[in-house]
C-alpha atoms as a PDB file:
ATOM      1  CA  MET A   1      27.944  39.270  21.443  1.00  0.00           C
ATOM      2  CA  PRO A   2      29.781  36.097  22.533  1.00  0.00           C
ATOM      3  CA  LYS A   3      32.100  34.392  20.074  1.00  0.00           C
ATOM      4  CA  ILE A   4      30.934  30.836  20.908  1.00  0.00           C
ATOM      5  CA  SER A   5      27.536  29.516  21.969  1.00  0.00           C
ATOM      6  CA  VAL A   6      27.549  26.263  23.932  1.00  0.00           C
ATOM      7  CA  ILE A   7      24.228  24.380  23.766  1.00  0.00           C
ATOM      8  CA  ILE A   8      23.489  21.889  26.564  1.00  0.00           C
ATOM      9  CA  PRO A   9      20.209  19.928  26.789  1.00  0.00           C
ATOM     10  CA  VAL A  10      19.633  18.840  30.384  1.00  0.00           C
ATOM     11  CA  TYR A  11      17.439  16.002  31.620  1.00  0.00           C
ATOM     12  CA  ASN A  12      17.779  14.295  35.023  1.00  0.00           C
ATOM     13  CA  VAL A  13      21.567  14.476  35.307  1.00  0.00           C
ATOM     14  CA  GLU A  14      21.965  15.759  38.857  1.00  0.00           C
ATOM     15  CA  LYS A  15      24.882  13.355  39.459  1.00  0.00           C
ATOM     16  CA  TYR A  16      26.953  14.626  36.510  1.00  0.00           C
ATOM     17  CA  LEU A  17      25.785  18.155  35.697  1.00  0.00           C
ATOM     18  CA  ALA A  18      28.301  20.001  37.884  1.00  0.00           C
ATOM     19  CA  ARG A  19      31.190  18.169  36.187  1.00  0.00           C
ATOM     20  CA  CYS A  20      29.941  19.321  32.793  1.00  0.00           C
ATOM     21  CA  LEU A  21      29.393  22.925  33.857  1.00  0.00           C
ATOM     22  CA  ASP A  22      32.716  23.150  35.699  1.00  0.00           C
ATOM     23  CA  SER A  23      34.535  22.099  32.529  1.00  0.00           C
ATOM     24  CA  LEU A  24      32.878  25.013  30.695  1.00  0.00           C
ATOM     25  CA  ILE A  25      33.005  27.900  33.142  1.00  0.00           C
ATOM     26  CA  ASN A  26      36.743  27.236  33.540  1.00  0.00           C
ATOM     27  CA  GLN A  27      37.558  27.234  29.822  1.00  0.00           C
ATOM     28  CA  THR A  28      40.705  29.075  28.762  1.00  0.00           C
ATOM     29  CA  PHE A  29      38.558  30.640  26.011  1.00  0.00           C
ATOM     30  CA  GLU A  30      36.190  32.881  27.967  1.00  0.00           C
ATOM     31  CA  ASP A  31      34.155  34.699  25.292  1.00  0.00           C
ATOM     32  CA  ILE A  32      31.258  32.244  25.436  1.00  0.00           C
ATOM     33  CA  GLU A  33      27.623  31.853  26.394  1.00  0.00           C
ATOM     34  CA  ILE A  34      26.452  28.599  27.964  1.00  0.00           C
ATOM     35  CA  ILE A  35      22.806  27.919  27.099  1.00  0.00           C
ATOM     36  CA  CYS A  36      21.307  25.173  29.253  1.00  0.00           C
ATOM     37  CA  ILE A  37      17.860  23.878  28.324  1.00  0.00           C
ATOM     38  CA  ASN A  38      16.229  22.032  31.198  1.00  0.00           C
ATOM     39  CA  ASP A  39      13.996  19.551  29.387  1.00  0.00           C
ATOM     40  CA  GLY A  40      11.483  18.781  32.116  1.00  0.00           C
ATOM     41  CA  SER A  41      13.910  17.278  34.643  1.00  0.00           C
ATOM     42  CA  THR A  42      12.268  15.705  37.679  1.00  0.00           C
ATOM     43  CA  ASP A  43      15.420  15.636  39.820  1.00  0.00           C
ATOM     44  CA  SER A  44      17.485  18.576  41.104  1.00  0.00           C
ATOM     45  CA  SER A  45      19.025  19.451  37.719  1.00  0.00           C
ATOM     46  CA  LEU A  46      17.112  22.743  37.417  1.00  0.00           C
ATOM     47  CA  SER A  47      18.212  23.829  40.890  1.00  0.00           C
ATOM     48  CA  ILE A  48      21.831  23.108  40.006  1.00  0.00           C
ATOM     49  CA  LEU A  49      21.505  25.137  36.802  1.00  0.00           C
ATOM     50  CA  LYS A  50      20.039  28.106  38.664  1.00  0.00           C
ATOM     51  CA  GLU A  51      22.798  27.965  41.256  1.00  0.00           C
ATOM     52  CA  TYR A  52      25.508  28.044  38.576  1.00  0.00           C
ATOM     53  CA  ALA A  53      23.708  30.789  36.644  1.00  0.00           C
ATOM     54  CA  SER A  54      23.601  32.963  39.764  1.00  0.00           C
ATOM     55  CA  LYS A  55      27.398  32.801  39.922  1.00  0.00           C
ATOM     56  CA  ASP A  56      28.284  33.066  36.229  1.00  0.00           C
ATOM     57  CA  LYS A  57      26.392  35.503  33.999  1.00  0.00           C
ATOM     58  CA  ARG A  58      27.446  33.569  30.871  1.00  0.00           C
ATOM     59  CA  ILE A  59      25.048  30.767  31.833  1.00  0.00           C
ATOM     60  CA  ILE A  60      21.529  31.108  30.432  1.00  0.00           C
ATOM     61  CA  VAL A  61      18.846  28.714  31.726  1.00  0.00           C
ATOM     62  CA  ILE A  62      15.797  27.851  29.649  1.00  0.00           C
ATOM     63  CA  ASN A  63      13.118  25.717  31.277  1.00  0.00           C
ATOM     64  CA  GLN A  64      10.630  23.697  29.209  1.00  0.00           C
ATOM     65  CA  GLU A  65       8.387  20.666  29.492  1.00  0.00           C
ATOM     66  CA  ASN A  66      10.005  17.418  28.375  1.00  0.00           C
ATOM     67  CA  GLN A  67      10.218  17.420  24.587  1.00  0.00           C
ATOM     68  CA  LYS A  68      13.391  15.338  24.135  1.00  0.00           C
ATOM     69  CA  GLN A  69      16.873  16.387  23.134  1.00  0.00           C
ATOM     70  CA  GLY A  70      16.138  17.584  19.597  1.00  0.00           C
ATOM     71  CA  ALA A  71      13.620  20.165  20.765  1.00  0.00           C
ATOM     72  CA  ALA A  72      15.948  21.292  23.555  1.00  0.00           C
ATOM     73  CA  ARG A  73      18.807  21.822  21.121  1.00  0.00           C
ATOM     74  CA  ASN A  74      16.543  23.750  18.750  1.00  0.00           C
ATOM     75  CA  ARG A  75      15.530  26.109  21.580  1.00  0.00           C
ATOM     76  CA  GLY A  76      19.179  26.605  22.431  1.00  0.00           C
ATOM     77  CA  VAL A  77      20.194  27.478  18.886  1.00  0.00           C
ATOM     78  CA  GLU A  78      17.261  29.884  18.586  1.00  0.00           C
ATOM     79  CA  LYS A  79      18.384  31.651  21.750  1.00  0.00           C
ATOM     80  CA  SER A  80      22.092  31.680  20.863  1.00  0.00           C
ATOM     81  CA  CYS A  81      24.067  34.629  19.511  1.00  0.00           C
ATOM     82  CA  GLY A  82      27.548  33.215  18.929  1.00  0.00           C
ATOM     83  CA  GLU A  83      29.468  33.249  15.650  1.00  0.00           C
ATOM     84  CA  PHE A  84      30.251  29.585  16.389  1.00  0.00           C
ATOM     85  CA  ILE A  85      28.096  26.882  17.972  1.00  0.00           C
ATOM     86  CA  THR A  86      28.973  23.683  19.812  1.00  0.00           C
ATOM     87  CA  PHE A  87      26.791  21.018  21.417  1.00  0.00           C
ATOM     88  CA  ILE A  88      27.630  19.237  24.662  1.00  0.00           C
ATOM     89  CA  ASP A  89      25.581  16.569  26.442  1.00  0.00           C
ATOM     90  CA  SER A  90      25.044  17.286  30.115  1.00  0.00           C
ATOM     91  CA  ASP A  91      26.609  14.063  31.397  1.00  0.00           C
ATOM     92  CA  ASP A  92      29.769  14.643  29.331  1.00  0.00           C
ATOM     93  CA  TRP A  93      32.613  17.126  29.775  1.00  0.00           C
ATOM     94  CA  VAL A  94      35.497  18.675  27.835  1.00  0.00           C
ATOM     95  CA  ASP A  95      39.152  19.563  28.368  1.00  0.00           C
ATOM     96  CA  LEU A  96      39.678  23.058  29.742  1.00  0.00           C
ATOM     97  CA  ASP A  97      41.345  24.210  26.493  1.00  0.00           C
ATOM     98  CA  TYR A  98      38.700  22.529  24.323  1.00  0.00           C
ATOM     99  CA  LEU A  99      37.052  25.678  22.969  1.00  0.00           C
ATOM    100  CA  GLU A 100      40.340  27.549  22.594  1.00  0.00           C
ATOM    101  CA  LYS A 101      41.911  24.838  20.438  1.00  0.00           C
ATOM    102  CA  LEU A 102      38.825  24.182  18.329  1.00  0.00           C
ATOM    103  CA  HIS A 103      38.343  27.908  17.747  1.00  0.00           C
ATOM    104  CA  SER A 104      42.013  28.515  16.877  1.00  0.00           C
ATOM    105  CA  ALA A 105      41.969  25.699  14.327  1.00  0.00           C
ATOM    106  CA  ILE A 106      38.719  26.762  12.671  1.00  0.00           C
ATOM    107  CA  ILE A 107      40.013  30.336  12.315  1.00  0.00           C
ATOM    108  CA  LYS A 108      43.455  29.274  11.101  1.00  0.00           C
ATOM    109  CA  HIS A 109      42.075  27.139   8.278  1.00  0.00           C
ATOM    110  CA  GLU A 110      38.886  29.162   7.660  1.00  0.00           C
ATOM    111  CA  ALA A 111      37.046  25.850   8.063  1.00  0.00           C
ATOM    112  CA  ASP A 112      33.330  25.275   8.564  1.00  0.00           C
ATOM    113  CA  VAL A 113      33.801  22.753  11.375  1.00  0.00           C
ATOM    114  CA  SER A 114      36.587  21.738  13.746  1.00  0.00           C
ATOM    115  CA  ILE A 115      36.595  18.256  15.299  1.00  0.00           C
ATOM    116  CA  SER A 116      38.204  17.210  18.582  1.00  0.00           C
ATOM    117  CA  CYS A 117      39.444  13.863  19.829  1.00  0.00           C
ATOM    118  CA  VAL A 118      36.794  11.823  21.670  1.00  0.00           C
ATOM    119  CA  SER A 119      37.330   9.520  24.622  1.00  0.00           C
ATOM    120  CA  LYS A 120      34.692   7.124  25.918  1.00  0.00           C
ATOM    121  CA  GLU A 121      34.668   6.859  29.701  1.00  0.00           C
ATOM    122  CA  ARG A 122      32.737   4.767  32.211  1.00  0.00           C
ATOM    123  CA  ALA A 123      31.861   5.184  35.863  1.00  0.00           C
ATOM    124  CA  ASN A 124      34.426   2.510  36.817  1.00  0.00           C
ATOM    125  CA  GLY A 125      37.227   4.724  35.462  1.00  0.00           C
ATOM    126  CA  SER A 126      37.893   2.802  32.248  1.00  0.00           C
ATOM    127  CA  LYS A 127      38.673   4.975  29.235  1.00  0.00           C
ATOM    128  CA  TYR A 128      39.630   4.627  25.603  1.00  0.00           C
ATOM    129  CA  TYR A 129      39.806   6.897  22.565  1.00  0.00           C
ATOM    130  CA  PHE A 130      37.479   6.047  19.717  1.00  0.00           C
ATOM    131  CA  LEU A 131      38.623   9.176  17.895  1.00  0.00           C
ATOM    132  CA  ASN A 132      42.230  10.190  18.433  1.00  0.00           C
ATOM    133  CA  ASN A 133      43.466  12.807  15.984  1.00  0.00           C
ATOM    134  CA  LYS A 134      47.210  12.247  15.666  1.00  0.00           C
ATOM    135  CA  LYS A 135      47.863  15.594  13.992  1.00  0.00           C
ATOM    136  CA  GLU A 136      46.032  18.658  12.759  1.00  0.00           C
ATOM    137  CA  LYS A 137      44.442  17.820   9.423  1.00  0.00           C
ATOM    138  CA  PHE A 138      42.469  20.087   7.100  1.00  0.00           C
ATOM    139  CA  ILE A 139      39.990  18.407   4.740  1.00  0.00           C
ATOM    140  CA  LYS A 140      38.120  20.173   1.947  1.00  0.00           C
ATOM    141  CA  ASP A 141      37.477  17.201  -0.324  1.00  0.00           C
ATOM    142  CA  ALA A 142      33.678  17.048  -0.538  1.00  0.00           C
ATOM    143  CA  SER A 143      33.686  13.264  -0.922  1.00  0.00           C
ATOM    144  CA  ASN A 144      35.320  12.897   2.518  1.00  0.00           C
ATOM    145  CA  ILE A 145      33.340  15.472   4.508  1.00  0.00           C
ATOM    146  CA  ILE A 146      30.640  13.046   5.691  1.00  0.00           C
ATOM    147  CA  ASN A 147      33.317  10.469   6.537  1.00  0.00           C
ATOM    148  CA  GLU A 148      34.949  12.995   8.861  1.00  0.00           C
ATOM    149  CA  LEU A 149      31.696  14.119  10.478  1.00  0.00           C
ATOM    150  CA  ILE A 150      30.751  10.530  11.312  1.00  0.00           C
ATOM    151  CA  ILE A 151      33.142   9.143  13.891  1.00  0.00           C
ATOM    152  CA  LEU A 152      34.827   5.929  12.780  1.00  0.00           C
ATOM    153  CA  ASN A 153      32.122   5.221  10.205  1.00  0.00           C
ATOM    154  CA  LYS A 154      29.397   4.566  12.765  1.00  0.00           C
ATOM    155  CA  TRP A 155      28.886   7.373  15.290  1.00  0.00           C
ATOM    156  CA  TYR A 156      26.424  10.003  14.144  1.00  0.00           C
ATOM    157  CA  VAL A 157      26.907  12.570  16.922  1.00  0.00           C
ATOM    158  CA  VAL A 158      26.773  16.364  16.820  1.00  0.00           C
ATOM    159  CA  TRP A 159      29.008  16.850  19.845  1.00  0.00           C
ATOM    160  CA  GLY A 160      32.810  16.899  19.722  1.00  0.00           C
ATOM    161  CA  LYS A 161      32.664  19.611  17.053  1.00  0.00           C
ATOM    162  CA  LEU A 162      32.659  23.395  16.717  1.00  0.00           C
ATOM    163  CA  TYR A 163      30.470  24.667  13.869  1.00  0.00           C
ATOM    164  CA  LYS A 164      30.521  27.950  12.013  1.00  0.00           C
ATOM    165  CA  ARG A 165      27.065  29.321  12.699  1.00  0.00           C
ATOM    166  CA  SER A 166      26.295  29.976   9.038  1.00  0.00           C
ATOM    167  CA  VAL A 167      26.450  26.270   8.095  1.00  0.00           C
ATOM    168  CA  ILE A 168      23.890  25.060  10.646  1.00  0.00           C
ATOM    169  CA  GLU A 169      21.708  28.013  11.677  1.00  0.00           C
ATOM    170  CA  ASN A 170      18.923  27.068   9.249  1.00  0.00           C
ATOM    171  CA  LEU A 171      18.885  23.395  10.260  1.00  0.00           C
ATOM    172  CA  ARG A 172      16.621  21.944  12.903  1.00  0.00           C
ATOM    173  CA  PHE A 173      16.739  18.742  14.873  1.00  0.00           C
ATOM    174  CA  ILE A 174      13.708  16.509  14.566  1.00  0.00           C
ATOM    175  CA  GLU A 175      11.652  16.953  17.740  1.00  0.00           C
ATOM    176  CA  HIS A 176       9.911  14.492  20.060  1.00  0.00           C
ATOM    177  CA  ALA A 177      12.082  11.659  18.728  1.00  0.00           C
ATOM    178  CA  TYR A 178      15.220   9.710  19.535  1.00  0.00           C
ATOM    179  CA  TYR A 179      18.265   9.446  17.208  1.00  0.00           C
ATOM    180  CA  GLU A 180      17.961  13.041  16.061  1.00  0.00           C
ATOM    181  CA  ASP A 181      21.707  13.423  15.383  1.00  0.00           C
ATOM    182  CA  ILE A 182      21.620  11.183  12.299  1.00  0.00           C
ATOM    183  CA  ARG A 183      19.379  13.395  10.195  1.00  0.00           C
ATOM    184  CA  TYR A 184      20.974  16.599  11.425  1.00  0.00           C
ATOM    185  CA  LEU A 185      24.543  15.628  10.582  1.00  0.00           C
ATOM    186  CA  VAL A 186      23.759  14.345   7.103  1.00  0.00           C
ATOM    187  CA  GLN A 187      21.844  17.545   6.315  1.00  0.00           C
ATOM    188  CA  ALA A 188      24.727  19.608   7.674  1.00  0.00           C
ATOM    189  CA  GLY A 189      27.054  17.692   5.363  1.00  0.00           C
ATOM    190  CA  VAL A 190      25.410  19.407   2.386  1.00  0.00           C
ATOM    191  CA  ASN A 191      26.468  22.840   3.705  1.00  0.00           C
ATOM    192  CA  ILE A 192      29.853  21.954   5.171  1.00  0.00           C
ATOM    193  CA  LYS A 193      32.688  22.393   2.676  1.00  0.00           C
ATOM    194  CA  SER A 194      35.698  21.934   4.943  1.00  0.00           C
ATOM    195  CA  VAL A 195      36.638  20.477   8.316  1.00  0.00           C
ATOM    196  CA  VAL A 196      39.768  20.476  10.443  1.00  0.00           C
ATOM    197  CA  LYS A 197      40.663  17.677  12.851  1.00  0.00           C
ATOM    198  CA  VAL A 198      42.310  18.948  16.024  1.00  0.00           C
ATOM    199  CA  PRO A 199      44.784  16.845  18.057  1.00  0.00           C
ATOM    200  CA  LYS A 200      45.570  16.876  21.768  1.00  0.00           C
ATOM    201  CA  VAL A 201      42.196  18.075  22.981  1.00  0.00           C
ATOM    202  CA  SER A 202      39.236  15.897  23.942  1.00  0.00           C
ATOM    203  CA  TYR A 203      35.510  15.661  24.333  1.00  0.00           C
ATOM    204  CA  HIS A 204      34.824  13.155  27.112  1.00  0.00           C
ATOM    205  CA  TYR A 205      31.803  10.999  26.292  1.00  0.00           C
ATOM    206  CA  PHE A 206      30.418   9.383  29.434  1.00  0.00           C
ATOM    207  CA  ALA A 207      28.833   5.971  28.821  1.00  0.00           C
ATOM    208  CA  ASN A 208      25.889   6.656  31.103  1.00  0.00           C
ATOM    209  CA  ASP A 209      23.552   3.657  31.175  1.00  0.00           C
ATOM    210  CA  ALA A 210      20.756   5.936  32.404  1.00  0.00           C
ATOM    211  CA  SER A 211      20.941   8.245  29.360  1.00  0.00           C
ATOM    212  CA  THR A 212      17.933   8.440  27.060  1.00  0.00           C
ATOM    213  CA  VAL A 213      19.476   6.421  24.235  1.00  0.00           C
ATOM    214  CA  ARG A 214      21.431   3.902  26.331  1.00  0.00           C
ATOM    215  CA  SER A 215      18.604   3.210  28.765  1.00  0.00           C
ATOM    216  CA  LYS A 216      16.111   0.355  28.393  1.00  0.00           C
ATOM    217  CA  PRO A 217      14.982  -0.324  24.786  1.00  0.00           C
ATOM    218  CA  SER A 218      11.405   0.516  23.851  1.00  0.00           C
ATOM    219  CA  PRO A 219       9.161   0.311  20.783  1.00  0.00           C
ATOM    220  CA  LYS A 220       9.377   4.112  20.494  1.00  0.00           C
ATOM    221  CA  LYS A 221      13.186   4.053  20.337  1.00  0.00           C
ATOM    222  CA  THR A 222      13.207   1.228  17.813  1.00  0.00           C
ATOM    223  CA  LYS A 223      10.626   2.945  15.612  1.00  0.00           C
ATOM    224  CA  ASP A 224      12.527   6.260  15.750  1.00  0.00           C
ATOM    225  CA  ARG A 225      15.811   4.553  14.925  1.00  0.00           C
ATOM    226  CA  THR A 226      14.251   2.720  11.988  1.00  0.00           C
ATOM    227  CA  GLU A 227      12.670   5.859  10.571  1.00  0.00           C
ATOM    228  CA  ALA A 228      15.845   7.916  11.070  1.00  0.00           C
ATOM    229  CA  THR A 229      17.890   5.281   9.257  1.00  0.00           C
ATOM    230  CA  LEU A 230      15.478   5.129   6.330  1.00  0.00           C
ATOM    231  CA  TRP A 231      15.319   8.917   6.082  1.00  0.00           C
ATOM    232  CA  THR A 232      19.104   9.180   6.108  1.00  0.00           C
ATOM    233  CA  TYR A 233      19.471   6.564   3.405  1.00  0.00           C
ATOM    234  CA  ASN A 234      16.981   8.345   1.120  1.00  0.00           C
ATOM    235  CA  PHE A 235      18.393  11.818   1.798  1.00  0.00           C
ATOM    236  CA  ALA A 236      21.884  10.609   0.950  1.00  0.00           C
ATOM    237  CA  LYS A 237      20.653   9.123  -2.338  1.00  0.00           C
ATOM    238  CA  GLU A 238      18.738  12.280  -3.240  1.00  0.00           C
ATOM    239  CA  HIS A 239      21.771  14.517  -2.641  1.00  0.00           C
ATOM    240  CA  ASN A 240      24.377  12.126  -4.047  1.00  0.00           C
ATOM    241  CA  ILE A 241      26.045  11.777  -0.649  1.00  0.00           C
ATOM    242  CA  LYS A 242      28.200   8.695  -0.236  1.00  0.00           C
ATOM    243  CA  LEU A 243      27.771   7.358   3.263  1.00  0.00           C
ATOM    244  CA  PRO A 244      30.696   5.483   4.836  1.00  0.00           C
ATOM    245  CA  ASP A 245      30.604   1.829   3.820  1.00  0.00           C
ATOM    246  CA  GLN A 246      30.019   0.544   7.344  1.00  0.00           C
ATOM    247  CA  CYS A 247      27.001   2.838   7.784  1.00  0.00           C
ATOM    248  CA  LEU A 248      25.647   1.820   4.409  1.00  0.00           C
ATOM    249  CA  ASP A 249      26.024  -1.878   5.194  1.00  0.00           C
ATOM    250  CA  LYS A 250      24.149  -1.433   8.471  1.00  0.00           C
ATOM    251  CA  GLU A 251      21.374   0.468   6.708  1.00  0.00           C
ATOM    252  CA  LYS A 252      21.015  -2.126   3.955  1.00  0.00           C
ATOM    253  CA  HIS A 253      20.752  -4.835   6.610  1.00  0.00           C
ATOM    254  CA  LEU A 254      18.076  -2.878   8.444  1.00  0.00           C
ATOM    255  CA  LEU A 255      16.146  -2.214   5.237  1.00  0.00           C
ATOM    256  CA  TYR A 256      16.238  -5.917   4.395  1.00  0.00           C
ATOM    257  CA  LYS A 257      14.836  -6.815   7.809  1.00  0.00           C
ATOM    258  CA  ILE A 258      12.053  -4.243   7.455  1.00  0.00           C
ATOM    259  CA  LYS A 259      11.045  -5.359   3.959  1.00  0.00           C
ATOM    260  CA  ARG A 260      11.105  -9.003   5.024  1.00  0.00           C
ATOM    261  CA  CYS A 261       8.584  -8.390   7.806  1.00  0.00           C
ATOM    262  CA  VAL A 262       5.835  -6.930   5.598  1.00  0.00           C
ATOM    263  CA  ASP A 263       3.884 -10.179   5.428  1.00  0.00           C
ATOM    264  CA  LYS A 264       4.318 -11.076   9.071  1.00  0.00           C
ATOM    265  CA  ASP A 265       1.747 -10.458  11.771  1.00  0.00           C
ATOM    266  CA  VAL A 266       4.389  -9.566  14.337  1.00  0.00           C
ATOM    267  CA  TYR A 267       7.893  -8.245  13.781  1.00  0.00           C
ATOM    268  CA  TYR A 268      10.605  -8.211  16.419  1.00  0.00           C
ATOM    269  CA  PHE A 269      13.757  -6.094  16.109  1.00  0.00           C
ATOM    270  CA  LEU A 270      16.478  -6.228  18.792  1.00  0.00           C
ATOM    271  CA  GLY A 271      14.016  -8.065  20.983  1.00  0.00           C
ATOM    272  CA  ILE A 272      11.389  -5.312  20.714  1.00  0.00           C
ATOM    273  CA  LYS A 273       7.955  -5.947  19.216  1.00  0.00           C
ATOM    274  CA  VAL A 274       7.908  -3.167  16.631  1.00  0.00           C
ATOM    275  CA  PHE A 275       4.938  -4.072  14.440  1.00  0.00           C
ATOM    276  CA  GLU A 276       1.888  -5.847  15.815  1.00  0.00           C
ATOM    277  CA  LYS A 277      -1.034  -7.426  14.013  1.00  0.00           C
ATOM    278  CA  LEU A 278      -3.574  -4.743  14.923  1.00  0.00           C
ATOM    279  CA  ASN A 279      -1.558  -1.853  13.519  1.00  0.00           C
ATOM    280  CA  LYS A 280       0.600  -3.824  11.126  1.00  0.00           C
ATOM    281  CA  ASN A 281      -0.650  -2.313   7.875  1.00  0.00           C
ATOM    282  CA  GLU A 282      -0.704   1.273   9.109  1.00  0.00           C
ATOM    283  CA  GLU A 283       2.792   1.352  10.619  1.00  0.00           C
ATOM    284  CA  GLN A 284       4.519  -0.960   8.167  1.00  0.00           C
ATOM    285  CA  ASN A 285       3.204   0.854   5.139  1.00  0.00           C
ATOM    286  CA  GLU A 286       4.211   4.191   6.613  1.00  0.00           C
ATOM    287  CA  VAL A 287       7.793   3.026   7.038  1.00  0.00           C
ATOM    288  CA  ILE A 288       8.077   1.004   3.818  1.00  0.00           C
ATOM    289  CA  ASN A 289       6.647   3.825   1.699  1.00  0.00           C
ATOM    290  CA  ASN A 290       9.437   6.078   2.938  1.00  0.00           C
ATOM    291  CA  TYR A 291      11.923   3.822   1.191  1.00  0.00           C
ATOM    292  CA  ASP A 292      11.918   3.964  -2.599  1.00  0.00           C
ATOM    293  CA  GLY A 293      14.809   1.524  -3.091  1.00  0.00           C
END
């Protein structure tokens, strides 16, 4: 049984997939399984996965019709066997000692989660750290756990972290929707009692304009983001979770905009027509009724 399971959803990333896989098969920590879920790619991503799997028995390829990232991650967790789990996006990559350092820290402190530094990188070579852990820091204060899981008070992302299996194995990502990380992380925050921040090792987030979230806006994305935000706000209230102030301010602003549009025939958000006259009552009431504030 491998010590660490690496879960990678894959969708149309033929240009970047090898970089991601190379950073994993060459890890200094070798006791791993690499579970790649091909989520209906229409490019050569599946062929690349099969080629790597033929050369490294630690790579497991699961092929499914496109169901979005949440469903792909759920399949990966279901298939996984590791004592620890980490998520990596297929256009990103990690330092070669990433798993070794995160694992050492989580064992040393008997923590539930270890968190790496995160650098944001673009195709033109520009790079900056939006999470740069200056020193190893162990946190077990429940009031600060969510603050540490959310990067700089605004980034709800499941990657850049190593999780003890027991704290997330019963959680599931919402499927067939965008912005699935938000709900997952806040739910995980109920189970997570301690985290350790690890310096001098990085997750490299690639700002890929073709990625599912960063690509062209759509009514579906806007609707999913709105519903995820409302759900998160209500879940936090129900479980007495204090969200970081910046997140809370953004949510209150969004809630205000949603409530204000109830009497309008058409509502635009970020330039997207979210609610239209013909389905105004059905969709607006569905969203507004989810908010009891």
